[in-house]
């Protein structure tokens, strides 16, 4: 992931409302558990085991949500070209912008396990971002950042999540950002 890309998870609003009775401002993400998980992951096994903990990322939010994956792929194809490496990834990387979308679709059980996109904050035209926000709004999906903060799919609320994120701090002052990593 490029430092100037903002990671956004797409979640079905209905599942979160069913679990919490409302849409909270933030869901828990167990960053330390994810670090252990990835440290112990065997790259050579070519399998991604289920985490042994529950948080906003490991929860199967889409399991009870009916989504026609072919229609979703078609909608995404209108927004962003398919990546060359698989059928569930889309990517724009043309030297000016670097946006991408990824879906992990469970073919056996027919549900989305993970749906995320990354927005290149250098893009001033906002075509990709506005199209993704529109897709999410039409389908009653909400957005979550890598810290579990939730927002509705509109530019104003997403801008609040982006503000002071690592990609935003890097874009505003890359030297200061890199110096603070030490």
C-alpha atoms as a PDB file:
ATOM      1  CA  UNK A   1       0.000   0.000   0.000  1.00  0.00           C
ATOM      2  CA  UNK A   2       1.331   3.399  -0.941  1.00  0.00           C
ATOM      3  CA  UNK A   3       1.506   5.902   1.901  1.00  0.00           C
ATOM      4  CA  UNK A   4      -0.708   8.339  -0.013  1.00  0.00           C
ATOM      5  CA  UNK A   5      -3.566   5.801  -0.254  1.00  0.00           C
ATOM      6  CA  UNK A   6      -6.401   5.908   2.274  1.00  0.00           C
ATOM      7  CA  UNK A   7      -7.780   2.460   3.132  1.00  0.00           C
ATOM      8  CA  UNK A   8     -11.554   2.172   3.433  1.00  0.00           C
ATOM      9  CA  UNK A   9     -13.522  -0.941   4.361  1.00  0.00           C
ATOM     10  CA  UNK A  10     -17.053  -1.281   2.979  1.00  0.00           C
ATOM     11  CA  UNK A  11     -19.571  -2.792   5.405  1.00  0.00           C
ATOM     12  CA  UNK A  12     -23.306  -3.502   5.143  1.00  0.00           C
ATOM     13  CA  UNK A  13     -25.179  -1.018   7.311  1.00  0.00           C
ATOM     14  CA  UNK A  14     -27.925  -3.548   8.083  1.00  0.00           C
ATOM     15  CA  UNK A  15     -25.549  -6.027   9.780  1.00  0.00           C
ATOM     16  CA  UNK A  16     -24.070  -3.375  12.054  1.00  0.00           C
ATOM     17  CA  UNK A  17     -27.513  -2.031  12.976  1.00  0.00           C
ATOM     18  CA  UNK A  18     -28.668  -5.580  13.778  1.00  0.00           C
ATOM     19  CA  UNK A  19     -25.675  -6.197  16.048  1.00  0.00           C
ATOM     20  CA  UNK A  20     -25.622  -2.843  17.866  1.00  0.00           C
ATOM     21  CA  UNK A  21     -29.162  -1.496  17.426  1.00  0.00           C
ATOM     22  CA  UNK A  22     -27.628   1.599  15.825  1.00  0.00           C
ATOM     23  CA  UNK A  23     -24.530   2.651  13.917  1.00  0.00           C
ATOM     24  CA  UNK A  24     -21.803   3.405  16.465  1.00  0.00           C
ATOM     25  CA  UNK A  25     -19.061   5.920  15.736  1.00  0.00           C
ATOM     26  CA  UNK A  26     -16.350   3.257  16.013  1.00  0.00           C
ATOM     27  CA  UNK A  27     -15.889  -0.504  16.020  1.00  0.00           C
ATOM     28  CA  UNK A  28     -13.048  -2.285  17.779  1.00  0.00           C
ATOM     29  CA  UNK A  29     -10.014  -3.337  15.771  1.00  0.00           C
ATOM     30  CA  UNK A  30      -7.469  -5.447  17.617  1.00  0.00           C
ATOM     31  CA  UNK A  31      -4.271  -4.128  16.055  1.00  0.00           C
ATOM     32  CA  UNK A  32      -1.949  -6.079  18.385  1.00  0.00           C
ATOM     33  CA  UNK A  33      -3.785  -9.333  17.596  1.00  0.00           C
ATOM     34  CA  UNK A  34      -3.499  -8.652  13.865  1.00  0.00           C
ATOM     35  CA  UNK A  35       0.242  -8.062  14.244  1.00  0.00           C
ATOM     36  CA  UNK A  36       0.612 -11.466  15.945  1.00  0.00           C
ATOM     37  CA  UNK A  37      -1.617 -13.066  13.319  1.00  0.00           C
ATOM     38  CA  UNK A  38       0.493 -11.787  10.402  1.00  0.00           C
ATOM     39  CA  UNK A  39       3.769 -12.564  12.206  1.00  0.00           C
ATOM     40  CA  UNK A  40       2.657 -16.207  12.556  1.00  0.00           C
ATOM     41  CA  UNK A  41       1.128 -16.528   9.087  1.00  0.00           C
ATOM     42  CA  UNK A  42       2.876 -19.080   6.893  1.00  0.00           C
ATOM     43  CA  UNK A  43       3.240 -17.475   3.469  1.00  0.00           C
ATOM     44  CA  UNK A  44       4.264 -20.799   1.900  1.00  0.00           C
ATOM     45  CA  UNK A  45       1.046 -22.555   2.975  1.00  0.00           C
ATOM     46  CA  UNK A  46      -0.926 -20.510   0.418  1.00  0.00           C
ATOM     47  CA  UNK A  47      -3.872 -20.487   2.850  1.00  0.00           C
ATOM     48  CA  UNK A  48      -5.156 -17.721   5.054  1.00  0.00           C
ATOM     49  CA  UNK A  49      -6.438 -19.223   8.304  1.00  0.00           C
ATOM     50  CA  UNK A  50      -9.292 -17.644  10.230  1.00  0.00           C
ATOM     51  CA  UNK A  51      -8.069 -15.394  13.046  1.00  0.00           C
ATOM     52  CA  UNK A  52      -8.699 -16.762  16.536  1.00  0.00           C
ATOM     53  CA  UNK A  53     -10.113 -13.432  17.692  1.00  0.00           C
ATOM     54  CA  UNK A  54     -13.112 -11.289  16.795  1.00  0.00           C
ATOM     55  CA  UNK A  55     -13.016  -7.639  15.857  1.00  0.00           C
ATOM     56  CA  UNK A  56     -14.470  -5.363  13.186  1.00  0.00           C
ATOM     57  CA  UNK A  57     -12.208  -6.810  10.480  1.00  0.00           C
ATOM     58  CA  UNK A  58     -12.613 -10.515  11.297  1.00  0.00           C
ATOM     59  CA  UNK A  59     -16.403 -10.313  11.763  1.00  0.00           C
ATOM     60  CA  UNK A  60     -18.343 -11.737   8.818  1.00  0.00           C
ATOM     61  CA  UNK A  61     -20.589  -8.698   8.311  1.00  0.00           C
ATOM     62  CA  UNK A  62     -21.674  -9.805   4.832  1.00  0.00           C
ATOM     63  CA  UNK A  63     -22.637 -13.415   5.694  1.00  0.00           C
ATOM     64  CA  UNK A  64     -26.399 -12.726   5.922  1.00  0.00           C
ATOM     65  CA  UNK A  65     -26.438 -10.034   3.231  1.00  0.00           C
ATOM     66  CA  UNK A  66     -27.573 -11.023  -0.248  1.00  0.00           C
ATOM     67  CA  UNK A  67     -25.290  -9.486  -2.856  1.00  0.00           C
ATOM     68  CA  UNK A  68     -25.271 -10.502  -6.485  1.00  0.00           C
ATOM     69  CA  UNK A  69     -21.515 -10.725  -6.920  1.00  0.00           C
ATOM     70  CA  UNK A  70     -21.755 -10.610 -10.714  1.00  0.00           C
ATOM     71  CA  UNK A  71     -23.740  -7.356 -10.563  1.00  0.00           C
ATOM     72  CA  UNK A  72     -21.267  -5.906  -8.066  1.00  0.00           C
ATOM     73  CA  UNK A  73     -18.342  -6.851 -10.308  1.00  0.00           C
ATOM     74  CA  UNK A  74     -20.142  -5.208 -13.246  1.00  0.00           C
ATOM     75  CA  UNK A  75     -20.697  -2.009 -11.204  1.00  0.00           C
ATOM     76  CA  UNK A  76     -17.035  -1.944 -10.175  1.00  0.00           C
ATOM     77  CA  UNK A  77     -15.948  -2.569 -13.781  1.00  0.00           C
ATOM     78  CA  UNK A  78     -17.696   0.706 -14.679  1.00  0.00           C
ATOM     79  CA  UNK A  79     -15.679   2.556 -12.022  1.00  0.00           C
ATOM     80  CA  UNK A  80     -12.224   1.021 -12.249  1.00  0.00           C
ATOM     81  CA  UNK A  81     -10.459  -1.521 -14.520  1.00  0.00           C
ATOM     82  CA  UNK A  82      -9.844  -5.082 -13.371  1.00  0.00           C
ATOM     83  CA  UNK A  83      -6.397  -5.903 -12.076  1.00  0.00           C
ATOM     84  CA  UNK A  84      -4.419  -8.390 -14.116  1.00  0.00           C
ATOM     85  CA  UNK A  85      -3.794 -10.828 -11.251  1.00  0.00           C
ATOM     86  CA  UNK A  86      -7.334 -11.987 -10.317  1.00  0.00           C
ATOM     87  CA  UNK A  87     -11.068 -11.583 -10.830  1.00  0.00           C
ATOM     88  CA  UNK A  88     -11.741  -9.914  -7.463  1.00  0.00           C
ATOM     89  CA  UNK A  89      -9.338  -6.968  -7.738  1.00  0.00           C
ATOM     90  CA  UNK A  90      -9.527  -3.679  -9.591  1.00  0.00           C
ATOM     91  CA  UNK A  91      -6.751  -1.152 -10.027  1.00  0.00           C
ATOM     92  CA  UNK A  92      -5.948   2.193 -11.601  1.00  0.00           C
ATOM     93  CA  UNK A  93      -2.254   2.903 -11.666  1.00  0.00           C
ATOM     94  CA  UNK A  94      -1.335   5.273 -14.429  1.00  0.00           C
ATOM     95  CA  UNK A  95       1.472   7.353 -12.953  1.00  0.00           C
ATOM     96  CA  UNK A  96      -0.974  10.041 -11.858  1.00  0.00           C
ATOM     97  CA  UNK A  97      -3.223   8.094  -9.496  1.00  0.00           C
ATOM     98  CA  UNK A  98      -3.180   4.720  -7.751  1.00  0.00           C
ATOM     99  CA  UNK A  99      -6.646   3.554  -6.679  1.00  0.00           C
ATOM    100  CA  UNK A 100      -7.688  -0.035  -6.026  1.00  0.00           C
ATOM    101  CA  UNK A 101     -10.598  -2.182  -4.910  1.00  0.00           C
ATOM    102  CA  UNK A 102     -10.521  -5.702  -3.517  1.00  0.00           C
ATOM    103  CA  UNK A 103     -13.227  -8.204  -2.687  1.00  0.00           C
ATOM    104  CA  UNK A 104     -12.681 -11.536  -0.973  1.00  0.00           C
ATOM    105  CA  UNK A 105     -15.686 -13.605  -2.029  1.00  0.00           C
ATOM    106  CA  UNK A 106     -16.392 -16.952  -0.359  1.00  0.00           C
ATOM    107  CA  UNK A 107     -17.498 -19.054  -3.345  1.00  0.00           C
ATOM    108  CA  UNK A 108     -18.583 -22.046  -1.254  1.00  0.00           C
ATOM    109  CA  UNK A 109     -20.869 -20.095   1.060  1.00  0.00           C
ATOM    110  CA  UNK A 110     -21.609 -17.295  -1.440  1.00  0.00           C
ATOM    111  CA  UNK A 111     -20.868 -14.232   0.638  1.00  0.00           C
ATOM    112  CA  UNK A 112     -18.373 -11.377   0.709  1.00  0.00           C
ATOM    113  CA  UNK A 113     -15.724 -11.904   3.352  1.00  0.00           C
ATOM    114  CA  UNK A 114     -13.950  -8.603   2.809  1.00  0.00           C
ATOM    115  CA  UNK A 115     -14.613  -5.542   0.670  1.00  0.00           C
ATOM    116  CA  UNK A 116     -12.187  -2.632   0.710  1.00  0.00           C
ATOM    117  CA  UNK A 117     -10.856   0.134  -1.450  1.00  0.00           C
ATOM    118  CA  UNK A 118      -7.888   2.465  -1.314  1.00  0.00           C
ATOM    119  CA  UNK A 119      -8.126   6.038  -2.531  1.00  0.00           C
ATOM    120  CA  UNK A 120      -5.102   7.905  -3.804  1.00  0.00           C
ATOM    121  CA  UNK A 121      -5.195  11.218  -1.949  1.00  0.00           C
ATOM    122  CA  UNK A 122      -3.185  12.860  -4.741  1.00  0.00           C
ATOM    123  CA  UNK A 123      -6.232  12.581  -7.030  1.00  0.00           C
ATOM    124  CA  UNK A 124      -7.862  15.994  -7.330  1.00  0.00           C
ATOM    125  CA  UNK A 125     -10.607  14.938  -9.763  1.00  0.00           C
ATOM    126  CA  UNK A 126     -12.338  12.615  -7.268  1.00  0.00           C
ATOM    127  CA  UNK A 127     -14.078  10.555  -9.983  1.00  0.00           C
ATOM    128  CA  UNK A 128     -13.090   7.231  -8.425  1.00  0.00           C
ATOM    129  CA  UNK A 129     -13.955   8.280  -4.891  1.00  0.00           C
ATOM    130  CA  UNK A 130     -17.289   9.851  -5.837  1.00  0.00           C
ATOM    131  CA  UNK A 131     -18.232   6.727  -7.815  1.00  0.00           C
ATOM    132  CA  UNK A 132     -17.373   4.454  -4.887  1.00  0.00           C
ATOM    133  CA  UNK A 133     -19.325   6.659  -2.482  1.00  0.00           C
ATOM    134  CA  UNK A 134     -22.321   6.608  -4.812  1.00  0.00           C
ATOM    135  CA  UNK A 135     -22.175   2.805  -5.113  1.00  0.00           C
ATOM    136  CA  UNK A 136     -22.073   2.479  -1.328  1.00  0.00           C
ATOM    137  CA  UNK A 137     -24.898   4.951  -0.792  1.00  0.00           C
ATOM    138  CA  UNK A 138     -27.182   3.214  -3.323  1.00  0.00           C
ATOM    139  CA  UNK A 139     -26.645  -0.107  -1.564  1.00  0.00           C
ATOM    140  CA  UNK A 140     -26.903   1.174   2.025  1.00  0.00           C
ATOM    141  CA  UNK A 141     -23.308   0.326   2.865  1.00  0.00           C
ATOM    142  CA  UNK A 142     -21.151   2.303   5.269  1.00  0.00           C
ATOM    143  CA  UNK A 143     -17.433   2.953   5.459  1.00  0.00           C
ATOM    144  CA  UNK A 144     -14.806   2.123   8.067  1.00  0.00           C
ATOM    145  CA  UNK A 145     -11.209   3.292   8.306  1.00  0.00           C
ATOM    146  CA  UNK A 146      -8.300   1.158   9.546  1.00  0.00           C
ATOM    147  CA  UNK A 147      -8.972   2.326  13.124  1.00  0.00           C
ATOM    148  CA  UNK A 148     -12.597   1.189  13.121  1.00  0.00           C
ATOM    149  CA  UNK A 149     -14.107   4.660  12.710  1.00  0.00           C
ATOM    150  CA  UNK A 150     -17.384   4.546  10.786  1.00  0.00           C
ATOM    151  CA  UNK A 151     -18.987   7.067   8.470  1.00  0.00           C
ATOM    152  CA  UNK A 152     -21.737   7.336   5.912  1.00  0.00           C
ATOM    153  CA  UNK A 153     -20.663   7.197   2.261  1.00  0.00           C
ATOM    154  CA  UNK A 154     -20.429  10.908   1.617  1.00  0.00           C
ATOM    155  CA  UNK A 155     -17.433  13.115   0.970  1.00  0.00           C
ATOM    156  CA  UNK A 156     -17.934  15.302   4.049  1.00  0.00           C
ATOM    157  CA  UNK A 157     -17.959  12.447   6.559  1.00  0.00           C
ATOM    158  CA  UNK A 158     -15.170  10.535   4.815  1.00  0.00           C
ATOM    159  CA  UNK A 159     -13.032  13.684   4.785  1.00  0.00           C
ATOM    160  CA  UNK A 160     -13.303  13.722   8.590  1.00  0.00           C
ATOM    161  CA  UNK A 161     -11.890  10.182   8.721  1.00  0.00           C
ATOM    162  CA  UNK A 162      -9.131  11.058   6.277  1.00  0.00           C
ATOM    163  CA  UNK A 163      -8.140  14.169   8.233  1.00  0.00           C
ATOM    164  CA  UNK A 164      -5.019  13.452  10.306  1.00  0.00           C
ATOM    165  CA  UNK A 165      -4.701   9.887   8.987  1.00  0.00           C
ATOM    166  CA  UNK A 166      -1.196   8.733   8.058  1.00  0.00           C
ATOM    167  CA  UNK A 167      -1.825   9.322   4.333  1.00  0.00           C
ATOM    168  CA  UNK A 168      -3.158  12.818   5.064  1.00  0.00           C
ATOM    169  CA  UNK A 169      -0.198  13.709   7.307  1.00  0.00           C
ATOM    170  CA  UNK A 170       2.185  12.397   4.654  1.00  0.00           C
ATOM    171  CA  UNK A 171       0.505  14.429   1.908  1.00  0.00           C
ATOM    172  CA  UNK A 172       0.607  17.635   3.987  1.00  0.00           C
ATOM    173  CA  UNK A 173       4.244  17.314   5.094  1.00  0.00           C
ATOM    174  CA  UNK A 174       6.138  14.208   3.921  1.00  0.00           C
ATOM    175  CA  UNK A 175       9.438  15.145   5.562  1.00  0.00           C
ATOM    176  CA  UNK A 176       7.875  15.728   8.967  1.00  0.00           C
ATOM    177  CA  UNK A 177       5.842  12.531   8.622  1.00  0.00           C
ATOM    178  CA  UNK A 178       8.931  10.456   7.819  1.00  0.00           C
ATOM    179  CA  UNK A 179      10.959  12.065  10.594  1.00  0.00           C
ATOM    180  CA  UNK A 180       8.212  11.194  13.089  1.00  0.00           C
ATOM    181  CA  UNK A 181       8.363   7.520  12.062  1.00  0.00           C
ATOM    182  CA  UNK A 182      11.749   7.219  13.735  1.00  0.00           C
END
